[in-house]
Amino acid sequence: MNPVNSNLPETMSAAVYRGERNVIVEEIPTPQIGPGEILIRVEACGVCHTDLKKVEYNLLPPPRVYGHETAGTVAQAGEGVTAYKPGDRVIVFHHIPCSDCFYCARKLYAQCPVYKKVGVTAGFEPAGGGFSQYVRVMDWIVRAGVEKIPDGVSFEEASFVEPVNTCLKAVETSGASPGDVVLVMGQGPIGLIFTMMLAQRGCRVVTTDTIPARLALSKQSGALLSLDPRQNDVTAEVKRLTENRGADLVFVATAVPGLVEQAVAASRPGAKICLFAQTSEKERIDLSGSSICVGERMLFGSYSASVDLQKQSANLVFSGALPVNLLISHRVPLANIREAFALATNPTESSLKIIVQCNQV
């Protein structure tokens, strides 16, 4: 039998989605774990726009506790768990595929039925659970979806492993190569991770955003050119760099209406265009069919993380190869999570990545 922490509280604070865009911090039972499972005391959980959309558009029935960019300390290990023990510092992925189905054989892990079944919960229907003081990690996630955090790496930095994985998956799928001219639309935390990765690969990166501080950080992160689309003709600037052809690759890293259409206009014939932020059924695109067909462009989606890239994405963060600490603008206690959501939904000049400190008063 593995050690059990008998000092765990019977109840804990959690940000519970109660429907109709309403999230309430309340006391709920601390999750109970079973054989093969672990309980994590959450120290940091990043605010992701995927969860914000679920709240904003009421995409899933309540009650649920969201949050999936989770880093913390193992508080309890269930019977049969030998890889982790109380006190271990870890990050956890909330989705892990079965590795044995039609989609897994084709490395389309996010389409695997087991992958779609969330394996981390703070209670209620599993939904990630990271916006709480403790989360229960189910057995199949414990087996393949937990990574130990090395000494010297903060919980805040470690919470970036999951979003870095999602970006790395999209970049690998795109086939980005040195010398490619790549347009990254949107320089929020995800767009900036794309910029860092692509610049490190030797791509010539052009970025867009409407917040000056984000454009400045984009240049610091390796962008060749950073443009405010309200003041610059993005398509003309990209074509100027490419002998009037257009970008070789485009990553649409924000869900602002009209950007996919702009991405097509700014790309060359034969370009690849990645839709990364279009995660709601309510988001619509109006494109000329010939711009894709006659222009021989490839429009593709990339969603969620890849188990094949789990170690590599962890190493990118833990080694400091990606300076994700530059992206953190706000640290907010769990009690103030509604303020964090409001700030992430309506960013200011000074806001970027918001980290919820789930066990900070």
Protein backbone atom coordinates (compact mmCIF):
# COMPACT_ATOMS: atom_id res chain seq x y z
CA MET A 1 0.00 0.00 0.00
CA ASN A 2 1.29 3.45 -0.89
CA PRO A 3 1.47 6.22 1.69
CA VAL A 4 -1.77 8.11 2.27
CA ASN A 5 -1.87 11.65 3.58
CA SER A 6 -4.36 11.51 6.46
CA ASN A 7 -4.19 15.29 6.91
CA LEU A 8 -6.17 16.06 3.78
CA PRO A 9 -9.14 18.37 4.35
CA GLU A 10 -12.62 16.93 3.91
CA THR A 11 -13.61 19.89 1.74
CA MET A 12 -11.76 22.25 -0.57
CA SER A 13 -12.28 25.42 -2.58
CA ALA A 14 -13.11 25.06 -6.27
CA ALA A 15 -14.35 27.32 -9.04
CA VAL A 16 -17.57 25.57 -10.04
CA TYR A 17 -19.27 26.34 -13.34
CA ARG A 18 -22.98 26.49 -12.54
CA GLY A 19 -24.32 27.33 -15.99
CA GLU A 20 -25.32 30.54 -17.80
CA ARG A 21 -21.72 31.86 -17.71
CA ASN A 22 -21.69 31.65 -13.94
CA VAL A 23 -18.58 30.42 -12.09
CA ILE A 24 -18.71 30.38 -8.29
CA VAL A 25 -15.87 29.64 -5.87
CA GLU A 26 -17.39 27.31 -3.31
CA GLU A 27 -16.57 24.50 -0.90
CA ILE A 28 -16.96 21.00 -2.32
CA PRO A 29 -15.74 17.58 -1.09
CA THR A 30 -12.05 16.87 -1.62
CA PRO A 31 -11.88 14.12 -4.28
CA GLN A 32 -11.42 10.55 -3.12
CA ILE A 33 -9.00 8.42 -5.14
CA GLY A 34 -9.06 4.72 -5.95
CA PRO A 35 -6.45 2.10 -6.89
CA GLY A 36 -4.00 3.28 -9.53
CA GLU A 37 -4.94 6.94 -9.03
CA ILE A 38 -3.24 9.95 -7.48
CA LEU A 39 -4.45 13.14 -5.83
CA ILE A 40 -2.63 16.36 -6.73
CA ARG A 41 -2.55 19.51 -4.64
CA VAL A 42 -2.83 22.15 -7.35
CA GLU A 43 -0.27 24.94 -7.10
CA ALA A 44 -0.72 26.61 -10.51
CA CYS A 45 -3.22 26.33 -13.33
CA GLY A 46 -3.12 28.51 -16.43
CA VAL A 47 -6.24 30.17 -17.82
CA CYS A 48 -6.91 28.82 -21.32
CA HIS A 49 -9.35 30.30 -23.83
CA THR A 50 -10.76 26.84 -24.53
CA ASP A 51 -12.18 26.79 -21.01
CA LEU A 52 -13.31 30.41 -21.28
CA LYS A 53 -15.33 29.51 -24.37
CA LYS A 54 -16.98 26.61 -22.56
CA VAL A 55 -18.13 29.07 -19.92
CA GLU A 56 -18.99 31.92 -22.31
CA TYR A 57 -21.01 29.78 -24.71
CA ASN A 58 -22.36 27.31 -22.12
CA LEU A 59 -20.95 24.48 -24.23
CA LEU A 60 -21.21 21.74 -21.59
CA PRO A 61 -23.85 21.10 -18.93
CA PRO A 62 -23.07 22.15 -15.34
CA PRO A 63 -21.82 21.59 -12.74
CA ARG A 64 -18.15 21.23 -13.69
CA VAL A 65 -14.75 22.44 -12.58
CA TYR A 66 -12.59 23.51 -15.50
CA GLY A 67 -8.85 24.12 -15.74
CA HIS A 68 -6.39 21.80 -17.45
CA GLU A 69 -2.95 23.49 -17.48
CA THR A 70 -2.23 21.95 -14.10
CA ALA A 71 0.92 21.74 -11.99
CA GLY A 72 1.16 20.71 -8.36
CA THR A 73 2.34 18.25 -5.74
CA VAL A 74 1.23 14.66 -5.28
CA ALA A 75 -0.77 14.64 -2.04
CA GLN A 76 -1.87 11.02 -2.11
CA ALA A 77 -1.06 7.89 -4.12
CA GLY A 78 -3.52 5.04 -4.51
CA GLU A 79 -2.90 1.32 -4.21
CA GLY A 80 -0.60 0.01 -6.92
CA VAL A 81 0.96 3.37 -7.81
CA THR A 82 4.74 3.05 -7.79
CA ALA A 83 5.89 5.81 -10.17
CA TYR A 84 4.72 8.68 -7.95
CA LYS A 85 4.66 9.34 -4.23
CA PRO A 86 3.42 12.14 -1.97
CA GLY A 87 5.68 15.16 -2.32
CA ASP A 88 6.52 14.64 -6.00
CA ARG A 89 6.14 17.80 -8.08
CA VAL A 90 4.22 17.02 -11.28
CA ILE A 91 2.24 18.27 -14.24
CA VAL A 92 -0.70 16.33 -15.59
CA PHE A 93 -2.33 16.00 -19.01
CA HIS A 94 -6.12 15.60 -18.77
CA HIS A 95 -6.40 13.58 -22.00
CA ILE A 96 -4.47 10.42 -22.93
CA PRO A 97 -5.43 8.17 -25.88
CA CYS A 98 -5.93 4.41 -25.87
CA SER A 99 -3.15 3.84 -28.49
CA ASP A 100 -5.15 0.94 -29.95
CA CYS A 101 -8.03 2.34 -32.02
CA PHE A 102 -8.59 3.45 -35.63
CA TYR A 103 -7.64 7.06 -34.87
CA CYS A 104 -4.64 6.25 -32.69
CA ALA A 105 -3.23 4.10 -35.50
CA ARG A 106 -3.32 7.25 -37.64
CA LYS A 107 -1.91 9.43 -34.83
CA LEU A 108 -5.16 11.43 -34.68
CA TYR A 109 -5.14 11.10 -30.92
CA ALA A 110 -7.62 13.90 -30.21
CA GLN A 111 -10.27 11.89 -32.11
CA CYS A 112 -9.73 8.75 -29.99
CA PRO A 113 -12.84 7.92 -27.87
CA VAL A 114 -10.65 7.34 -24.81
CA TYR A 115 -8.80 10.63 -25.40
CA LYS A 116 -12.12 12.46 -25.45
CA LYS A 117 -12.89 10.98 -22.02
CA VAL A 118 -11.34 13.44 -19.55
CA GLY A 119 -9.35 11.68 -16.85
CA VAL A 120 -8.77 14.48 -14.32
CA THR A 121 -11.48 15.85 -12.06
CA ALA A 122 -12.10 17.94 -8.96
CA GLY A 123 -15.56 16.42 -8.69
CA PHE A 124 -18.71 16.36 -10.83
CA GLU A 125 -18.33 15.37 -14.50
CA PRO A 126 -14.58 15.27 -15.28
CA ALA A 127 -13.54 18.54 -16.96
CA GLY A 128 -9.88 19.05 -16.01
CA GLY A 129 -10.53 20.29 -12.50
CA GLY A 130 -7.44 22.48 -12.26
CA PHE A 131 -9.31 25.47 -10.87
CA SER A 132 -9.52 23.82 -7.47
CA GLN A 133 -7.24 23.01 -4.55
CA TYR A 134 -7.02 19.27 -5.35
CA VAL A 135 -7.61 17.10 -8.40
CA ARG A 136 -8.09 13.38 -8.78
CA VAL A 137 -6.03 11.84 -11.60
CA MET A 138 -7.51 8.60 -12.94
CA ASP A 139 -5.51 5.46 -13.54
CA TRP A 140 -4.97 5.67 -17.32
CA ILE A 141 -3.74 9.24 -16.96
CA VAL A 142 -1.40 8.23 -14.11
CA ARG A 143 0.09 5.53 -16.35
CA ALA A 144 0.88 7.80 -19.30
CA GLY A 145 -0.07 11.44 -18.69
CA VAL A 146 1.99 12.68 -15.74
CA GLU A 147 5.48 14.21 -15.87
CA LYS A 148 7.71 15.03 -12.90
CA ILE A 149 8.88 18.64 -12.58
CA PRO A 150 12.66 18.97 -12.14
CA ASP A 151 14.17 20.97 -9.29
CA GLY A 152 14.57 24.61 -10.18
CA VAL A 153 11.46 24.79 -12.37
CA SER A 154 8.54 26.71 -10.87
CA PHE A 155 4.99 25.40 -10.84
CA GLU A 156 3.99 28.42 -12.93
CA GLU A 157 6.49 27.57 -15.65
CA ALA A 158 5.59 23.88 -15.49
CA SER A 159 1.92 24.67 -16.12
CA PHE A 160 2.90 25.60 -19.68
CA VAL A 161 3.79 22.02 -20.68
CA GLU A 162 0.28 21.20 -21.94
CA PRO A 163 -0.19 24.36 -24.08
CA VAL A 164 3.38 24.03 -25.41
CA ASN A 165 2.51 20.48 -26.48
CA THR A 166 -0.54 21.70 -28.41
CA CYS A 167 1.56 24.28 -30.26
CA LEU A 168 4.35 21.81 -30.98
CA LYS A 169 1.80 19.39 -32.43
CA ALA A 170 0.55 22.07 -34.84
CA VAL A 171 4.07 23.08 -35.87
CA GLU A 172 5.08 19.46 -36.48
CA THR A 173 1.92 18.87 -38.53
CA SER A 174 2.62 21.96 -40.62
CA GLY A 175 6.08 20.81 -41.66
CA ALA A 176 7.55 24.26 -40.94
CA SER A 177 11.10 24.47 -42.31
CA PRO A 178 14.01 26.92 -42.01
CA GLY A 179 13.55 29.86 -44.34
CA ASP A 180 9.75 29.57 -44.53
CA VAL A 181 7.88 32.83 -44.20
CA VAL A 182 5.29 32.14 -41.51
CA LEU A 183 2.47 34.46 -40.51
CA VAL A 184 1.22 34.04 -36.91
CA MET A 185 -2.05 35.88 -36.38
CA GLY A 186 -2.56 36.82 -32.75
CA GLN A 187 0.18 37.27 -30.14
CA GLY A 188 -1.53 36.15 -27.00
CA PRO A 189 0.24 33.44 -25.00
CA ILE A 190 -0.42 30.76 -27.65
CA GLY A 191 0.61 32.99 -30.55
CA LEU A 192 3.81 33.93 -28.75
CA ILE A 193 4.64 30.27 -28.11
CA PHE A 194 4.21 29.70 -31.86
CA THR A 195 6.50 32.65 -32.57
CA MET A 196 9.21 31.35 -30.25
CA MET A 197 9.08 27.84 -31.71
CA LEU A 198 9.05 28.93 -35.34
CA ALA A 199 11.84 31.48 -34.92
CA GLN A 200 13.98 28.84 -33.22
CA ARG A 201 13.41 26.62 -36.26
CA GLY A 202 14.83 29.28 -38.54
CA CYS A 203 11.53 30.46 -39.98
CA ARG A 204 11.02 34.09 -40.94
CA VAL A 205 8.09 34.96 -38.69
CA VAL A 206 5.62 37.78 -39.26
CA THR A 207 3.14 38.41 -36.45
CA THR A 208 -0.02 40.43 -35.95
CA ASP A 209 -1.81 41.82 -32.91
CA THR A 210 -3.52 45.01 -31.81
CA ILE A 211 -1.80 45.37 -28.41
CA PRO A 212 1.57 47.18 -28.65
CA ALA A 213 3.13 45.35 -25.69
CA ARG A 214 2.40 42.02 -27.33
CA LEU A 215 3.93 43.17 -30.59
CA ALA A 216 7.06 44.26 -28.71
CA LEU A 217 7.32 40.88 -26.96
CA SER A 218 6.77 39.23 -30.32
CA LYS A 219 9.87 40.95 -31.69
CA GLN A 220 11.77 39.94 -28.55
CA SER A 221 10.65 36.35 -29.17
CA GLY A 222 12.11 36.25 -32.67
CA ALA A 223 9.59 37.80 -35.04
CA LEU A 224 11.09 39.46 -38.10
CA LEU A 225 8.14 41.80 -38.44
CA SER A 226 5.28 42.55 -36.02
CA LEU A 227 2.23 44.37 -37.36
CA ASP A 228 -0.89 46.01 -36.01
CA PRO A 229 -3.54 45.15 -38.64
CA ARG A 230 -5.41 48.36 -37.85
CA GLN A 231 -2.41 50.39 -39.01
CA ASN A 232 -0.74 48.10 -41.55
CA ASP A 233 -1.82 46.22 -44.65
CA VAL A 234 -0.75 42.78 -43.46
CA THR A 235 -1.21 41.09 -46.84
CA ALA A 236 0.86 43.76 -48.60
CA GLU A 237 3.64 43.56 -46.01
CA VAL A 238 3.82 39.76 -46.24
CA LYS A 239 3.90 39.89 -50.03
CA ARG A 240 6.65 42.51 -49.90
CA LEU A 241 8.79 39.98 -48.04
CA THR A 242 8.03 37.16 -50.46
CA GLU A 243 8.40 38.61 -53.97
CA ASN A 244 4.63 39.11 -54.03
CA ARG A 245 3.85 35.44 -53.34
CA GLY A 246 2.44 35.45 -49.79
CA ALA A 247 3.22 33.45 -46.65
CA ASP A 248 4.26 29.81 -46.89
CA LEU A 249 2.45 29.01 -43.66
CA VAL A 250 -0.16 30.76 -41.54
CA PHE A 251 -1.16 29.97 -37.96
CA VAL A 252 -4.47 31.51 -36.89
CA ALA A 253 -3.92 31.71 -33.13
CA THR A 254 -6.95 33.80 -32.23
CA ALA A 255 -10.66 33.42 -32.90
CA VAL A 256 -11.31 37.03 -33.95
CA PRO A 257 -13.92 36.96 -36.76
CA GLY A 258 -12.56 37.47 -40.27
CA LEU A 259 -8.99 36.34 -39.58
CA VAL A 260 -9.23 33.05 -41.47
CA GLU A 261 -10.29 34.95 -44.54
CA GLN A 262 -7.33 37.32 -44.06
CA ALA A 263 -5.03 34.33 -43.60
CA VAL A 264 -6.02 32.98 -47.00
CA ALA A 265 -5.49 36.40 -48.63
CA ALA A 266 -2.02 36.75 -47.10
CA SER A 267 -0.86 33.26 -48.10
CA ARG A 268 0.68 32.07 -51.35
CA PRO A 269 -0.78 29.40 -53.65
CA GLY A 270 0.04 26.02 -52.14
CA ALA A 271 0.34 27.43 -48.60
CA LYS A 272 -0.76 25.63 -45.46
CA ILE A 273 -3.10 27.44 -43.09
CA CYS A 274 -3.59 26.11 -39.55
CA LEU A 275 -6.79 26.88 -37.67
CA PHE A 276 -5.80 26.61 -34.01
CA ALA A 277 -8.25 28.79 -32.08
CA GLN A 278 -11.53 27.97 -33.80
CA THR A 279 -12.92 25.61 -31.15
CA SER A 280 -16.60 26.61 -30.96
CA GLU A 281 -19.41 25.55 -33.28
CA LYS A 282 -20.58 29.15 -33.14
CA GLU A 283 -17.49 30.39 -35.02
CA ARG A 284 -18.18 30.58 -38.76
CA ILE A 285 -15.89 31.10 -41.77
CA ASP A 286 -16.87 32.55 -45.15
CA LEU A 287 -14.35 31.58 -47.84
CA SER A 288 -14.24 31.44 -51.60
CA GLY A 289 -13.98 27.79 -52.57
CA SER A 290 -11.65 28.65 -55.41
CA SER A 291 -9.18 30.31 -53.02
CA ILE A 292 -8.58 26.84 -51.63
CA CYS A 293 -9.17 24.68 -54.71
CA VAL A 294 -7.64 26.74 -57.51
CA GLY A 295 -5.03 28.18 -55.14
CA GLU A 296 -4.14 24.65 -54.00
CA ARG A 297 -4.01 25.77 -50.41
CA MET A 298 -4.27 23.33 -47.52
CA LEU A 299 -6.55 24.41 -44.69
CA PHE A 300 -6.10 22.19 -41.63
CA GLY A 301 -7.03 22.11 -37.98
CA SER A 302 -4.87 21.21 -35.02
CA TYR A 303 -6.52 20.53 -31.68
CA SER A 304 -5.23 19.53 -28.27
CA ALA A 305 -2.03 17.68 -27.38
CA SER A 306 -0.12 14.69 -28.77
CA VAL A 307 1.10 11.94 -26.45
CA ASP A 308 3.98 11.38 -28.88
CA LEU A 309 5.27 14.89 -28.07
CA GLN A 310 4.75 14.76 -24.32
CA LYS A 311 8.40 14.30 -23.33
CA GLN A 312 9.63 16.79 -25.95
CA SER A 313 7.19 19.49 -24.86
CA ALA A 314 8.10 18.93 -21.21
CA ASN A 315 11.79 19.25 -22.06
CA LEU A 316 11.21 22.49 -23.99
CA VAL A 317 9.68 24.02 -20.86
CA PHE A 318 11.87 22.42 -18.19
CA SER A 319 15.13 23.18 -20.01
CA GLY A 320 14.24 26.83 -20.52
CA ALA A 321 14.54 26.46 -24.31
CA LEU A 322 11.19 28.22 -24.46
CA PRO A 323 11.28 31.17 -22.02
CA VAL A 324 7.64 30.80 -21.02
CA ASN A 325 8.18 32.85 -17.86
CA LEU A 326 8.17 35.92 -20.12
CA LEU A 327 4.51 35.24 -20.90
CA ILE A 328 3.19 35.40 -17.34
CA SER A 329 1.57 38.75 -16.58
CA HIS A 330 -0.79 38.03 -13.68
CA ARG A 331 -0.96 35.65 -10.74
CA VAL A 332 -4.40 35.41 -9.19
CA PRO A 333 -5.61 33.47 -6.13
CA LEU A 334 -8.43 30.99 -6.70
CA ALA A 335 -10.85 33.21 -4.77
CA ASN A 336 -10.46 35.87 -7.48
CA ILE A 337 -10.82 33.59 -10.49
CA ARG A 338 -13.74 35.55 -11.94
CA GLU A 339 -11.41 38.55 -12.21
CA ALA A 340 -8.89 36.33 -13.98
CA PHE A 341 -11.52 35.14 -16.46
CA ALA A 342 -12.68 38.71 -17.13
CA LEU A 343 -9.10 39.86 -17.74
CA ALA A 344 -8.36 36.93 -20.05
CA THR A 345 -11.56 37.55 -22.00
CA ASN A 346 -10.91 41.29 -22.30
CA PRO A 347 -7.11 41.67 -22.35
CA THR A 348 -5.44 44.94 -21.52
CA GLU A 349 -2.11 46.42 -22.57
CA SER A 350 -0.44 44.74 -19.60
CA SER A 351 -2.20 41.36 -19.56
CA LEU A 352 -0.93 38.15 -21.12
CA LYS A 353 -0.87 34.72 -19.46
CA ILE A 354 -2.85 34.53 -16.24
CA ILE A 355 -1.96 31.88 -13.68
CA VAL A 356 -4.41 30.84 -10.99
CA GLN A 357 -2.63 30.03 -7.72
CA CYS A 358 -5.09 27.51 -6.34
CA ASN A 359 -3.68 27.17 -2.82
CA GLN A 360 -2.80 30.84 -2.29
CA VAL A 361 -5.04 32.97 -0.09
